[in-house]
Amino acid sequence: MSHFQPWQSWSPAKRNIFGLPTWDYCPLPLANKKTNFLKQKSTKEPISYWCSWYAFGEKISEKIILEQASLLNKSKLKIDYILIDDGWTKWGDWHKVDEEKFPSGIGALSKKLAQKNFKTGLWLAPFLADKKSRLFKEHPEYFLRSKSGKLVNGFKSFPFFDSLLHPRFLLDFNKKEVKQFVFESLDQMMRKWNISLLKLDFLYAPYFNPHLKNADEATKQVQELLIYLKTQHPQVFTIACGCSFSDAANLADAIRISKDISAPPPMPKIFRKIFYEHRAQVLFAKLKHKSMWKGCLADPDVRIFDLENKKSEAIFEKLSESKDFLQGFGDQLKK
């Protein structure tokens, strides 16, 4: 191809000569050729949110979330949503919360956050699950397997390291019972837990199903999920992350347009800062491809004031002036 177009949220503005990491490039033919089933663009306004990931990583708890909410109320930041990122449950157990971390449950926590004038957001990776999850123990038949009978890792990165990293396995979304499980988990989040924001992550995962012949089959799965949310829960604000741009158009309210802006603790701050500055430049280069996320608001990930220099500050200041970008924040607030 003479002109490279980024495939999904994390794809770079220019193609890497080695085609790595794997998740940056579509493994199936005919990517982004099919249009979505609903043409109506989201009419929702951009939101502002605080995300737990870059401050605490997976080491979150009910106590930490409430402490940060109280400190946010005392800060100068204008925040609509508290986004509880990865760490609230094991991947796949989207219907169960880690009761040691969140003893009151997500629904009770949402009520407490509402008392502080915040809406509650929740992160999940709907197509993937951990082998250590309760879901795997109770329903191993929900998991996709290769022709040789092995579980299919949908958490692709570098071929040499995929087996060393903690794999996340693909659910077989073609099975009625799997689809029902995912949809019922989502229903519970909105109807019982009062979730108002969903960050749907790793939506590229169905493209790594070895049984699919082309990208259109993966597109159908991703869009079926987004259509369900848009039709059954139109009030919830959805952010598609790690998602094919064409899959999310007019279906998700916003789409992440670049890679994670940094790494969470326990990575030392000096390395997180270098990471942040580099990723801010990657984000800036991605802005030349605005036509790719036509039909959605843009989520540039979060701003972390503690890691900024003048260049990254200028990039995020420019983004804050646009009416098409979400405003995310990721600092750990301290007393």
C-alpha atoms as a PDB file:
ATOM      1  CA  MET A   1       0.000   0.000   0.000  1.00  0.00           C
ATOM      2  CA  SER A   2       1.302   3.428  -0.908  1.00  0.00           C
ATOM      3  CA  HIS A   3      -0.631   5.186   1.858  1.00  0.00           C
ATOM      4  CA  PHE A   4      -1.027   3.658   5.286  1.00  0.00           C
ATOM      5  CA  GLN A   5      -4.215   4.237   7.257  1.00  0.00           C
ATOM      6  CA  PRO A   6      -4.250   3.340  10.956  1.00  0.00           C
ATOM      7  CA  TRP A   7      -6.434   0.281  11.527  1.00  0.00           C
ATOM      8  CA  GLN A   8      -7.432   0.549  15.177  1.00  0.00           C
ATOM      9  CA  SER A   9      -7.079   2.851  18.178  1.00  0.00           C
ATOM     10  CA  TRP A  10      -3.464   1.953  18.878  1.00  0.00           C
ATOM     11  CA  SER A  11      -2.176   1.683  15.302  1.00  0.00           C
ATOM     12  CA  PRO A  12       0.638   4.167  14.575  1.00  0.00           C
ATOM     13  CA  ALA A  13       0.340   6.975  12.046  1.00  0.00           C
ATOM     14  CA  LYS A  14       3.094   5.265  10.025  1.00  0.00           C
ATOM     15  CA  ARG A  15       3.437   1.517   9.523  1.00  0.00           C
ATOM     16  CA  ASN A  16       6.229  -0.186  11.432  1.00  0.00           C
ATOM     17  CA  ILE A  17       8.486  -2.043   8.984  1.00  0.00           C
ATOM     18  CA  PHE A  18       8.335  -5.157  11.193  1.00  0.00           C
ATOM     19  CA  GLY A  19       4.549  -5.038  11.644  1.00  0.00           C
ATOM     20  CA  LEU A  20       4.887  -5.187  15.429  1.00  0.00           C
ATOM     21  CA  PRO A  21       3.331  -5.235  17.943  1.00  0.00           C
ATOM     22  CA  THR A  22       0.856  -7.652  16.393  1.00  0.00           C
ATOM     23  CA  TRP A  23      -2.251  -5.896  17.726  1.00  0.00           C
ATOM     24  CA  ASP A  24      -1.462  -2.735  15.721  1.00  0.00           C
ATOM     25  CA  TYR A  25      -2.182  -4.396  12.363  1.00  0.00           C
ATOM     26  CA  CYS A  26      -5.243  -6.223  11.109  1.00  0.00           C
ATOM     27  CA  PRO A  27      -4.491  -9.970  10.686  1.00  0.00           C
ATOM     28  CA  LEU A  28      -7.465 -10.539   8.381  1.00  0.00           C
ATOM     29  CA  PRO A  29      -8.147  -9.353   4.804  1.00  0.00           C
ATOM     30  CA  LEU A  30     -10.764  -6.729   3.901  1.00  0.00           C
ATOM     31  CA  ALA A  31     -10.415  -4.681   7.089  1.00  0.00           C
ATOM     32  CA  ASN A  32     -12.531  -1.538   7.310  1.00  0.00           C
ATOM     33  CA  LYS A  33     -14.495  -2.370   4.143  1.00  0.00           C
ATOM     34  CA  LYS A  34     -17.884  -2.898   5.741  1.00  0.00           C
ATOM     35  CA  THR A  35     -19.956  -0.002   7.021  1.00  0.00           C
ATOM     36  CA  ASN A  36     -21.894  -0.306  10.247  1.00  0.00           C
ATOM     37  CA  PHE A  37     -25.540  -1.134  10.608  1.00  0.00           C
ATOM     38  CA  LEU A  38     -26.672   2.135  12.220  1.00  0.00           C
ATOM     39  CA  LYS A  39     -25.991   5.445  10.516  1.00  0.00           C
ATOM     40  CA  GLN A  40     -27.074   7.836  13.240  1.00  0.00           C
ATOM     41  CA  LYS A  41     -24.123   9.669  14.795  1.00  0.00           C
ATOM     42  CA  SER A  42     -24.000  10.095  18.557  1.00  0.00           C
ATOM     43  CA  THR A  43     -25.357  13.464  19.619  1.00  0.00           C
ATOM     44  CA  LYS A  44     -23.783  13.327  23.075  1.00  0.00           C
ATOM     45  CA  GLU A  45     -21.489  16.076  24.258  1.00  0.00           C
ATOM     46  CA  PRO A  46     -17.841  15.414  25.210  1.00  0.00           C
ATOM     47  CA  ILE A  47     -17.372  14.336  28.807  1.00  0.00           C
ATOM     48  CA  SER A  48     -14.643  14.787  31.392  1.00  0.00           C
ATOM     49  CA  TYR A  49     -13.448  11.919  33.567  1.00  0.00           C
ATOM     50  CA  TRP A  50     -10.793  10.808  36.016  1.00  0.00           C
ATOM     51  CA  CYS A  51      -9.323   7.347  35.382  1.00  0.00           C
ATOM     52  CA  SER A  52      -7.788   5.137  38.079  1.00  0.00           C
ATOM     53  CA  TRP A  53      -5.365   3.252  35.804  1.00  0.00           C
ATOM     54  CA  TYR A  54      -2.390   5.610  35.616  1.00  0.00           C
ATOM     55  CA  ALA A  55      -2.483   6.457  39.299  1.00  0.00           C
ATOM     56  CA  PHE A  56      -2.919   2.968  40.758  1.00  0.00           C
ATOM     57  CA  GLY A  57      -2.870   0.315  38.025  1.00  0.00           C
ATOM     58  CA  GLU A  58      -4.728  -2.785  39.229  1.00  0.00           C
ATOM     59  CA  LYS A  59      -4.164  -1.869  42.897  1.00  0.00           C
ATOM     60  CA  ILE A  60      -7.502  -0.149  43.355  1.00  0.00           C
ATOM     61  CA  SER A  61     -10.156  -0.473  46.010  1.00  0.00           C
ATOM     62  CA  GLU A  62     -13.410   1.050  47.175  1.00  0.00           C
ATOM     63  CA  LYS A  63     -11.485   3.082  49.746  1.00  0.00           C
ATOM     64  CA  ILE A  64      -9.034   4.465  47.173  1.00  0.00           C
ATOM     65  CA  ILE A  65     -11.795   5.426  44.717  1.00  0.00           C
ATOM     66  CA  LEU A  66     -13.765   7.290  47.401  1.00  0.00           C
ATOM     67  CA  GLU A  67     -10.633   9.070  48.676  1.00  0.00           C
ATOM     68  CA  GLN A  68      -9.771  10.229  45.161  1.00  0.00           C
ATOM     69  CA  ALA A  69     -13.357  11.393  44.588  1.00  0.00           C
ATOM     70  CA  SER A  70     -13.209  13.522  47.745  1.00  0.00           C
ATOM     71  CA  LEU A  71      -9.897  15.040  46.665  1.00  0.00           C
ATOM     72  CA  LEU A  72     -11.236  15.708  43.159  1.00  0.00           C
ATOM     73  CA  ASN A  73     -14.088  17.675  44.711  1.00  0.00           C
ATOM     74  CA  LYS A  74     -11.515  19.878  46.394  1.00  0.00           C
ATOM     75  CA  SER A  75      -9.442  20.305  43.218  1.00  0.00           C
ATOM     76  CA  LYS A  76      -9.883  22.763  40.356  1.00  0.00           C
ATOM     77  CA  LEU A  77     -10.600  19.970  37.867  1.00  0.00           C
ATOM     78  CA  LYS A  78     -14.094  19.796  36.436  1.00  0.00           C
ATOM     79  CA  ILE A  79     -14.927  16.077  36.349  1.00  0.00           C
ATOM     80  CA  ASP A  80     -18.167  14.375  35.322  1.00  0.00           C
ATOM     81  CA  TYR A  81     -17.232  10.707  35.769  1.00  0.00           C
ATOM     82  CA  ILE A  82     -15.009   8.537  37.957  1.00  0.00           C
ATOM     83  CA  LEU A  83     -13.767   5.707  35.713  1.00  0.00           C
ATOM     84  CA  ILE A  84     -12.869   2.542  37.639  1.00  0.00           C
ATOM     85  CA  ASP A  85     -10.340   0.854  35.379  1.00  0.00           C
ATOM     86  CA  ASP A  86      -8.798  -2.640  35.384  1.00  0.00           C
ATOM     87  CA  GLY A  87      -8.483  -4.286  38.793  1.00  0.00           C
ATOM     88  CA  TRP A  88     -12.100  -4.370  40.004  1.00  0.00           C
ATOM     89  CA  THR A  89     -12.482  -8.033  38.968  1.00  0.00           C
ATOM     90  CA  LYS A  90     -10.708 -10.821  37.098  1.00  0.00           C
ATOM     91  CA  TRP A  91     -10.984 -10.598  33.323  1.00  0.00           C
ATOM     92  CA  GLY A  92     -14.103 -12.459  32.275  1.00  0.00           C
ATOM     93  CA  ASP A  93     -15.903 -12.185  35.615  1.00  0.00           C
ATOM     94  CA  TRP A  94     -17.764  -9.119  34.433  1.00  0.00           C
ATOM     95  CA  HIS A  95     -20.797 -10.049  36.527  1.00  0.00           C
ATOM     96  CA  LYS A  96     -18.785 -10.336  39.767  1.00  0.00           C
ATOM     97  CA  VAL A  97     -16.769  -7.771  41.682  1.00  0.00           C
ATOM     98  CA  ASP A  98     -13.674  -8.493  43.760  1.00  0.00           C
ATOM     99  CA  GLU A  99     -15.330  -8.345  47.194  1.00  0.00           C
ATOM    100  CA  GLU A 100     -12.027  -7.965  49.037  1.00  0.00           C
ATOM    101  CA  LYS A 101     -11.316  -4.725  47.159  1.00  0.00           C
ATOM    102  CA  PHE A 102     -14.912  -3.527  46.913  1.00  0.00           C
ATOM    103  CA  PRO A 103     -16.740  -4.948  49.948  1.00  0.00           C
ATOM    104  CA  SER A 104     -19.849  -2.795  49.419  1.00  0.00           C
ATOM    105  CA  GLY A 105     -20.109  -3.717  45.718  1.00  0.00           C
ATOM    106  CA  ILE A 106     -20.088  -1.502  42.649  1.00  0.00           C
ATOM    107  CA  GLY A 107     -23.756  -0.513  42.981  1.00  0.00           C
ATOM    108  CA  ALA A 108     -23.270   0.838  46.517  1.00  0.00           C
ATOM    109  CA  LEU A 109     -20.070   2.589  45.442  1.00  0.00           C
ATOM    110  CA  SER A 110     -21.951   4.273  42.577  1.00  0.00           C
ATOM    111  CA  LYS A 111     -24.447   5.674  45.086  1.00  0.00           C
ATOM    112  CA  LYS A 112     -21.629   7.017  47.260  1.00  0.00           C
ATOM    113  CA  LEU A 113     -19.995   8.654  44.235  1.00  0.00           C
ATOM    114  CA  ALA A 114     -23.331  10.161  43.220  1.00  0.00           C
ATOM    115  CA  GLN A 115     -23.490  11.777  46.665  1.00  0.00           C
ATOM    116  CA  LYS A 116     -20.188  13.435  45.751  1.00  0.00           C
ATOM    117  CA  ASN A 117     -21.721  14.568  42.408  1.00  0.00           C
ATOM    118  CA  PHE A 118     -19.896  12.058  40.220  1.00  0.00           C
ATOM    119  CA  LYS A 119     -21.254   9.512  37.777  1.00  0.00           C
ATOM    120  CA  THR A 120     -19.588   6.092  37.757  1.00  0.00           C
ATOM    121  CA  GLY A 121     -17.682   4.554  34.867  1.00  0.00           C
ATOM    122  CA  LEU A 122     -16.386   1.017  34.535  1.00  0.00           C
ATOM    123  CA  TRP A 123     -13.706  -0.636  32.378  1.00  0.00           C
ATOM    124  CA  LEU A 124     -14.030  -4.083  30.811  1.00  0.00           C
ATOM    125  CA  ALA A 125     -12.639  -6.200  27.953  1.00  0.00           C
ATOM    126  CA  PRO A 126     -15.838  -7.967  26.824  1.00  0.00           C
ATOM    127  CA  PHE A 127     -14.281 -10.446  24.357  1.00  0.00           C
ATOM    128  CA  LEU A 128     -11.473 -11.686  26.632  1.00  0.00           C
ATOM    129  CA  ALA A 129     -11.142 -13.634  29.870  1.00  0.00           C
ATOM    130  CA  ASP A 130      -8.504 -14.903  32.280  1.00  0.00           C
ATOM    131  CA  LYS A 131      -7.903 -18.618  32.740  1.00  0.00           C
ATOM    132  CA  LYS A 132      -7.956 -17.977  36.497  1.00  0.00           C
ATOM    133  CA  SER A 133     -11.446 -16.456  36.323  1.00  0.00           C
ATOM    134  CA  ARG A 134     -14.527 -18.012  37.833  1.00  0.00           C
ATOM    135  CA  LEU A 135     -15.987 -17.981  34.326  1.00  0.00           C
ATOM    136  CA  PHE A 136     -13.309 -20.403  33.091  1.00  0.00           C
ATOM    137  CA  LYS A 137     -13.806 -22.731  36.040  1.00  0.00           C
ATOM    138  CA  GLU A 138     -17.572 -22.830  35.582  1.00  0.00           C
ATOM    139  CA  HIS A 139     -17.837 -22.564  31.797  1.00  0.00           C
ATOM    140  CA  PRO A 140     -14.662 -23.683  29.977  1.00  0.00           C
ATOM    141  CA  GLU A 141     -16.883 -24.331  26.937  1.00  0.00           C
ATOM    142  CA  TYR A 142     -17.348 -20.549  26.563  1.00  0.00           C
ATOM    143  CA  PHE A 143     -13.713 -20.226  25.467  1.00  0.00           C
ATOM    144  CA  LEU A 144     -12.613 -20.369  21.848  1.00  0.00           C
ATOM    145  CA  ARG A 145     -10.183 -23.126  20.919  1.00  0.00           C
ATOM    146  CA  SER A 146      -7.921 -23.682  17.947  1.00  0.00           C
ATOM    147  CA  LYS A 147      -8.184 -26.722  15.662  1.00  0.00           C
ATOM    148  CA  SER A 148      -5.651 -28.441  17.893  1.00  0.00           C
ATOM    149  CA  GLY A 149      -7.836 -27.804  20.944  1.00  0.00           C
ATOM    150  CA  LYS A 150      -5.730 -25.052  22.530  1.00  0.00           C
ATOM    151  CA  LEU A 151      -7.183 -21.880  24.018  1.00  0.00           C
ATOM    152  CA  VAL A 152      -6.801 -18.861  21.707  1.00  0.00           C
ATOM    153  CA  ASN A 153      -4.822 -15.940  23.117  1.00  0.00           C
ATOM    154  CA  GLY A 154      -6.498 -12.697  22.027  1.00  0.00           C
ATOM    155  CA  PHE A 155      -3.987 -10.527  23.877  1.00  0.00           C
ATOM    156  CA  LYS A 156      -1.473 -10.222  21.049  1.00  0.00           C
ATOM    157  CA  SER A 157       1.752  -8.207  21.278  1.00  0.00           C
ATOM    158  CA  PHE A 158       5.128  -9.616  20.204  1.00  0.00           C
ATOM    159  CA  PRO A 159       5.322 -13.252  19.013  1.00  0.00           C
ATOM    160  CA  PHE A 160       8.407 -13.902  21.117  1.00  0.00           C
ATOM    161  CA  PHE A 161       6.749 -12.709  24.332  1.00  0.00           C
ATOM    162  CA  ASP A 162       3.093 -13.711  23.920  1.00  0.00           C
ATOM    163  CA  SER A 163       3.664 -16.984  25.748  1.00  0.00           C
ATOM    164  CA  LEU A 164       5.602 -15.230  28.545  1.00  0.00           C
ATOM    165  CA  LEU A 165       3.086 -12.464  29.181  1.00  0.00           C
ATOM    166  CA  HIS A 166      -0.129 -13.155  31.050  1.00  0.00           C
ATOM    167  CA  PRO A 167      -2.409 -14.341  28.207  1.00  0.00           C
ATOM    168  CA  ARG A 168      -6.064 -13.351  27.922  1.00  0.00           C
ATOM    169  CA  PHE A 169      -8.186 -15.818  26.037  1.00  0.00           C
ATOM    170  CA  LEU A 170     -10.920 -15.232  23.475  1.00  0.00           C
ATOM    171  CA  LEU A 171     -14.524 -16.004  24.305  1.00  0.00           C
ATOM    172  CA  ASP A 172     -16.475 -17.726  21.528  1.00  0.00           C
ATOM    173  CA  PHE A 173     -18.868 -14.877  20.746  1.00  0.00           C
ATOM    174  CA  ASN A 174     -20.570 -16.958  18.062  1.00  0.00           C
ATOM    175  CA  LYS A 175     -22.093 -19.102  20.803  1.00  0.00           C
ATOM    176  CA  LYS A 176     -25.523 -17.946  21.939  1.00  0.00           C
ATOM    177  CA  GLU A 177     -24.786 -18.616  25.604  1.00  0.00           C
ATOM    178  CA  VAL A 178     -21.563 -16.563  25.479  1.00  0.00           C
ATOM    179  CA  LYS A 179     -23.323 -13.634  23.884  1.00  0.00           C
ATOM    180  CA  GLN A 180     -26.081 -13.918  26.484  1.00  0.00           C
ATOM    181  CA  PHE A 181     -23.521 -13.918  29.310  1.00  0.00           C
ATOM    182  CA  VAL A 182     -21.820 -10.765  28.001  1.00  0.00           C
ATOM    183  CA  PHE A 183     -25.109  -8.937  27.398  1.00  0.00           C
ATOM    184  CA  GLU A 184     -26.532  -9.897  30.790  1.00  0.00           C
ATOM    185  CA  SER A 185     -23.312  -8.702  32.469  1.00  0.00           C
ATOM    186  CA  LEU A 186     -23.711  -5.353  30.699  1.00  0.00           C
ATOM    187  CA  ASP A 187     -27.385  -5.170  31.683  1.00  0.00           C
ATOM    188  CA  GLN A 188     -26.447  -5.689  35.318  1.00  0.00           C
ATOM    189  CA  MET A 189     -23.856  -2.911  35.184  1.00  0.00           C
ATOM    190  CA  MET A 190     -26.372  -0.324  34.025  1.00  0.00           C
ATOM    191  CA  ARG A 191     -29.555  -1.521  35.748  1.00  0.00           C
ATOM    192  CA  LYS A 192     -28.214  -2.661  39.118  1.00  0.00           C
ATOM    193  CA  TRP A 193     -24.853  -0.956  39.478  1.00  0.00           C
ATOM    194  CA  ASN A 194     -25.896   2.420  37.994  1.00  0.00           C
ATOM    195  CA  ILE A 195     -22.967   2.579  35.581  1.00  0.00           C
ATOM    196  CA  SER A 196     -23.129   5.616  33.284  1.00  0.00           C
ATOM    197  CA  LEU A 197     -19.837   5.232  31.400  1.00  0.00           C
ATOM    198  CA  LEU A 198     -18.274   2.135  29.840  1.00  0.00           C
ATOM    199  CA  LYS A 199     -14.715   1.877  28.603  1.00  0.00           C
ATOM    200  CA  LEU A 200     -14.755  -1.139  26.283  1.00  0.00           C
ATOM    201  CA  ASP A 201     -11.180  -2.276  25.799  1.00  0.00           C
ATOM    202  CA  PHE A 202      -9.320  -4.657  23.450  1.00  0.00           C
ATOM    203  CA  LEU A 203     -12.164  -4.648  20.922  1.00  0.00           C
ATOM    204  CA  TYR A 204      -9.690  -5.794  18.263  1.00  0.00           C
ATOM    205  CA  ALA A 205      -9.654  -9.253  19.899  1.00  0.00           C
ATOM    206  CA  PRO A 206     -12.233 -10.972  17.590  1.00  0.00           C
ATOM    207  CA  TYR A 207      -9.935 -10.257  14.631  1.00  0.00           C
ATOM    208  CA  PHE A 208      -7.498 -12.825  16.059  1.00  0.00           C
ATOM    209  CA  ASN A 209     -10.051 -15.639  15.900  1.00  0.00           C
ATOM    210  CA  PRO A 210      -8.232 -18.247  13.741  1.00  0.00           C
ATOM    211  CA  HIS A 211     -11.553 -19.607  12.439  1.00  0.00           C
ATOM    212  CA  LEU A 212     -12.621 -16.360  10.747  1.00  0.00           C
ATOM    213  CA  LYS A 213     -12.033 -16.015   7.012  1.00  0.00           C
ATOM    214  CA  ASN A 214     -12.102 -12.224   6.730  1.00  0.00           C
ATOM    215  CA  ALA A 215     -12.380  -9.044   8.771  1.00  0.00           C
ATOM    216  CA  ASP A 216     -16.069  -8.620   8.021  1.00  0.00           C
ATOM    217  CA  GLU A 217     -16.855 -11.543  10.350  1.00  0.00           C
ATOM    218  CA  ALA A 218     -14.949  -9.866  13.201  1.00  0.00           C
ATOM    219  CA  THR A 219     -16.585  -6.527  12.396  1.00  0.00           C
ATOM    220  CA  LYS A 220     -19.999  -8.141  12.805  1.00  0.00           C
ATOM    221  CA  GLN A 221     -19.150  -9.320  16.324  1.00  0.00           C
ATOM    222  CA  VAL A 222     -17.795  -5.950  17.470  1.00  0.00           C
ATOM    223  CA  GLN A 223     -20.702  -4.040  15.988  1.00  0.00           C
ATOM    224  CA  GLU A 224     -23.263  -6.429  17.443  1.00  0.00           C
ATOM    225  CA  LEU A 225     -21.898  -5.570  20.887  1.00  0.00           C
ATOM    226  CA  LEU A 226     -21.951  -1.815  20.214  1.00  0.00           C
ATOM    227  CA  ILE A 227     -25.429  -1.957  18.677  1.00  0.00           C
ATOM    228  CA  TYR A 228     -26.746  -3.804  21.731  1.00  0.00           C
ATOM    229  CA  LEU A 229     -25.473  -1.055  24.003  1.00  0.00           C
ATOM    230  CA  LYS A 230     -26.733   1.733  21.781  1.00  0.00           C
ATOM    231  CA  THR A 231     -30.230   0.274  21.492  1.00  0.00           C
ATOM    232  CA  GLN A 232     -30.679  -1.248  24.969  1.00  0.00           C
ATOM    233  CA  HIS A 233     -28.726   1.304  27.014  1.00  0.00           C
ATOM    234  CA  PRO A 234     -28.715   4.551  24.998  1.00  0.00           C
ATOM    235  CA  GLN A 235     -28.129   6.618  28.133  1.00  0.00           C
ATOM    236  CA  VAL A 236     -24.705   5.097  28.860  1.00  0.00           C
ATOM    237  CA  PHE A 237     -21.646   6.847  27.407  1.00  0.00           C
ATOM    238  CA  THR A 238     -19.399   4.368  25.577  1.00  0.00           C
ATOM    239  CA  ILE A 239     -15.687   4.643  24.824  1.00  0.00           C
ATOM    240  CA  ALA A 240     -14.322   2.078  22.349  1.00  0.00           C
ATOM    241  CA  CYS A 241     -10.647   1.318  22.951  1.00  0.00           C
ATOM    242  CA  GLY A 242      -8.318  -0.887  20.926  1.00  0.00           C
ATOM    243  CA  CYS A 243     -11.078  -0.818  18.340  1.00  0.00           C
ATOM    244  CA  SER A 244     -11.151  -0.711  14.547  1.00  0.00           C
ATOM    245  CA  PHE A 245     -12.099   2.849  13.616  1.00  0.00           C
ATOM    246  CA  SER A 246     -14.694   1.741  11.087  1.00  0.00           C
ATOM    247  CA  ASP A 247     -16.333  -0.627  13.584  1.00  0.00           C
ATOM    248  CA  ALA A 248     -17.027   2.156  16.084  1.00  0.00           C
ATOM    249  CA  ALA A 249     -18.216   4.851  13.669  1.00  0.00           C
ATOM    250  CA  ASN A 250     -21.689   6.071  14.671  1.00  0.00           C
ATOM    251  CA  LEU A 251     -22.011   3.240  17.190  1.00  0.00           C
ATOM    252  CA  ALA A 252     -19.695   4.187  20.073  1.00  0.00           C
ATOM    253  CA  ASP A 253     -19.945   7.668  21.550  1.00  0.00           C
ATOM    254  CA  ALA A 254     -16.161   8.039  21.522  1.00  0.00           C
ATOM    255  CA  ILE A 255     -13.137   6.075  20.393  1.00  0.00           C
ATOM    256  CA  ARG A 256      -9.616   6.061  21.785  1.00  0.00           C
ATOM    257  CA  ILE A 257      -7.413   7.472  19.042  1.00  0.00           C
ATOM    258  CA  SER A 258      -3.953   6.504  20.280  1.00  0.00           C
ATOM    259  CA  LYS A 259      -2.033   4.194  22.596  1.00  0.00           C
ATOM    260  CA  ASP A 260      -1.994   4.340  26.401  1.00  0.00           C
ATOM    261  CA  ILE A 261      -0.430   7.671  27.297  1.00  0.00           C
ATOM    262  CA  SER A 262       1.918   6.096  29.835  1.00  0.00           C
ATOM    263  CA  ALA A 263       2.395   3.064  32.073  1.00  0.00           C
ATOM    264  CA  PRO A 264       0.926   2.715  35.566  1.00  0.00           C
ATOM    265  CA  PRO A 265       2.865   2.148  38.779  1.00  0.00           C
ATOM    266  CA  PRO A 266       4.993   0.374  39.856  1.00  0.00           C
ATOM    267  CA  MET A 267       7.072   1.584  36.877  1.00  0.00           C
ATOM    268  CA  PRO A 268       9.436   4.277  38.265  1.00  0.00           C
ATOM    269  CA  LYS A 269       8.332   7.844  37.630  1.00  0.00           C
ATOM    270  CA  ILE A 270      11.371   8.732  35.499  1.00  0.00           C
ATOM    271  CA  PHE A 271      10.473   5.990  32.988  1.00  0.00           C
ATOM    272  CA  ARG A 272       6.776   6.818  33.124  1.00  0.00           C
ATOM    273  CA  LYS A 273       7.668  10.407  32.258  1.00  0.00           C
ATOM    274  CA  ILE A 274       9.753   9.360  29.236  1.00  0.00           C
ATOM    275  CA  PHE A 275       6.929   7.056  28.187  1.00  0.00           C
ATOM    276  CA  TYR A 276       4.403   9.906  28.549  1.00  0.00           C
ATOM    277  CA  GLU A 277       6.391  12.357  26.453  1.00  0.00           C
ATOM    278  CA  HIS A 278       6.888   9.823  23.673  1.00  0.00           C
ATOM    279  CA  ARG A 279       3.228   8.810  23.607  1.00  0.00           C
ATOM    280  CA  ALA A 280       2.141  12.465  23.544  1.00  0.00           C
ATOM    281  CA  GLN A 281       4.145  12.856  20.333  1.00  0.00           C
ATOM    282  CA  VAL A 282       2.553   9.689  18.916  1.00  0.00           C
ATOM    283  CA  LEU A 283      -0.841  11.172  19.753  1.00  0.00           C
ATOM    284  CA  PHE A 284       0.061  14.439  18.031  1.00  0.00           C
ATOM    285  CA  ALA A 285       1.043  12.557  14.847  1.00  0.00           C
ATOM    286  CA  LYS A 286      -2.283  10.697  14.948  1.00  0.00           C
ATOM    287  CA  LEU A 287      -4.209  13.973  14.763  1.00  0.00           C
ATOM    288  CA  LYS A 288      -3.461  14.115  11.027  1.00  0.00           C
ATOM    289  CA  HIS A 289      -5.883  11.207  10.560  1.00  0.00           C
ATOM    290  CA  LYS A 290      -9.031  12.831  11.944  1.00  0.00           C
ATOM    291  CA  SER A 291     -11.134  11.361   9.143  1.00  0.00           C
ATOM    292  CA  MET A 292     -10.524   7.896  10.635  1.00  0.00           C
ATOM    293  CA  TRP A 293     -12.736   8.548  13.666  1.00  0.00           C
ATOM    294  CA  LYS A 294     -15.456  10.398  11.831  1.00  0.00           C
ATOM    295  CA  GLY A 295     -18.768   9.522  13.487  1.00  0.00           C
ATOM    296  CA  CYS A 296     -17.338   9.433  17.034  1.00  0.00           C
ATOM    297  CA  LEU A 297     -15.944  11.841  19.541  1.00  0.00           C
ATOM    298  CA  ALA A 298     -12.211  11.382  20.110  1.00  0.00           C
ATOM    299  CA  ASP A 299     -10.685  10.094  23.339  1.00  0.00           C
ATOM    300  CA  PRO A 300      -6.970  11.012  23.448  1.00  0.00           C
ATOM    301  CA  ASP A 301      -6.597   9.168  26.784  1.00  0.00           C
ATOM    302  CA  VAL A 302      -5.741  11.118  29.916  1.00  0.00           C
ATOM    303  CA  ARG A 303      -3.642  14.081  30.830  1.00  0.00           C
ATOM    304  CA  ILE A 304      -1.196  13.489  33.683  1.00  0.00           C
ATOM    305  CA  PHE A 305       0.084  16.811  35.004  1.00  0.00           C
ATOM    306  CA  ASP A 306       2.742  15.153  37.160  1.00  0.00           C
ATOM    307  CA  LEU A 307       4.487  13.753  34.052  1.00  0.00           C
ATOM    308  CA  GLU A 308       4.267  16.746  31.717  1.00  0.00           C
ATOM    309  CA  ASN A 309       6.882  18.972  30.123  1.00  0.00           C
ATOM    310  CA  LYS A 310       6.229  22.003  27.905  1.00  0.00           C
ATOM    311  CA  LYS A 311       5.747  19.959  24.703  1.00  0.00           C
ATOM    312  CA  SER A 312       3.195  17.548  26.113  1.00  0.00           C
ATOM    313  CA  GLU A 313       1.478  20.396  27.963  1.00  0.00           C
ATOM    314  CA  ALA A 314       1.059  22.270  24.662  1.00  0.00           C
ATOM    315  CA  ILE A 315      -0.446  19.183  22.985  1.00  0.00           C
ATOM    316  CA  PHE A 316      -3.058  18.652  25.678  1.00  0.00           C
ATOM    317  CA  GLU A 317      -3.833  22.365  25.907  1.00  0.00           C
ATOM    318  CA  LYS A 318      -4.587  22.320  22.198  1.00  0.00           C
ATOM    319  CA  LEU A 319      -6.841  19.284  22.586  1.00  0.00           C
ATOM    320  CA  SER A 320      -8.718  20.923  25.472  1.00  0.00           C
ATOM    321  CA  GLU A 321      -9.813  23.699  23.113  1.00  0.00           C
ATOM    322  CA  SER A 322     -11.598  21.273  20.770  1.00  0.00           C
ATOM    323  CA  LYS A 323     -15.278  20.382  21.125  1.00  0.00           C
ATOM    324  CA  ASP A 324     -14.649  16.939  19.607  1.00  0.00           C
ATOM    325  CA  PHE A 325     -12.300  15.562  22.294  1.00  0.00           C
ATOM    326  CA  LEU A 326     -12.990  14.057  25.695  1.00  0.00           C
ATOM    327  CA  GLN A 327     -11.101  15.453  28.671  1.00  0.00           C
ATOM    328  CA  GLY A 328      -9.482  12.711  30.722  1.00  0.00           C
ATOM    329  CA  PHE A 329      -7.234  13.053  33.772  1.00  0.00           C
ATOM    330  CA  GLY A 330      -5.023  10.461  35.443  1.00  0.00           C
ATOM    331  CA  ASP A 331      -3.056  11.961  38.329  1.00  0.00           C
ATOM    332  CA  GLN A 332      -3.072  10.485  41.784  1.00  0.00           C
ATOM    333  CA  LEU A 333      -4.421  13.264  43.974  1.00  0.00           C
ATOM    334  CA  LYS A 334      -2.851  13.642  47.384  1.00  0.00           C
ATOM    335  CA  LYS A 335      -3.973  15.331  50.576  1.00  0.00           C
END
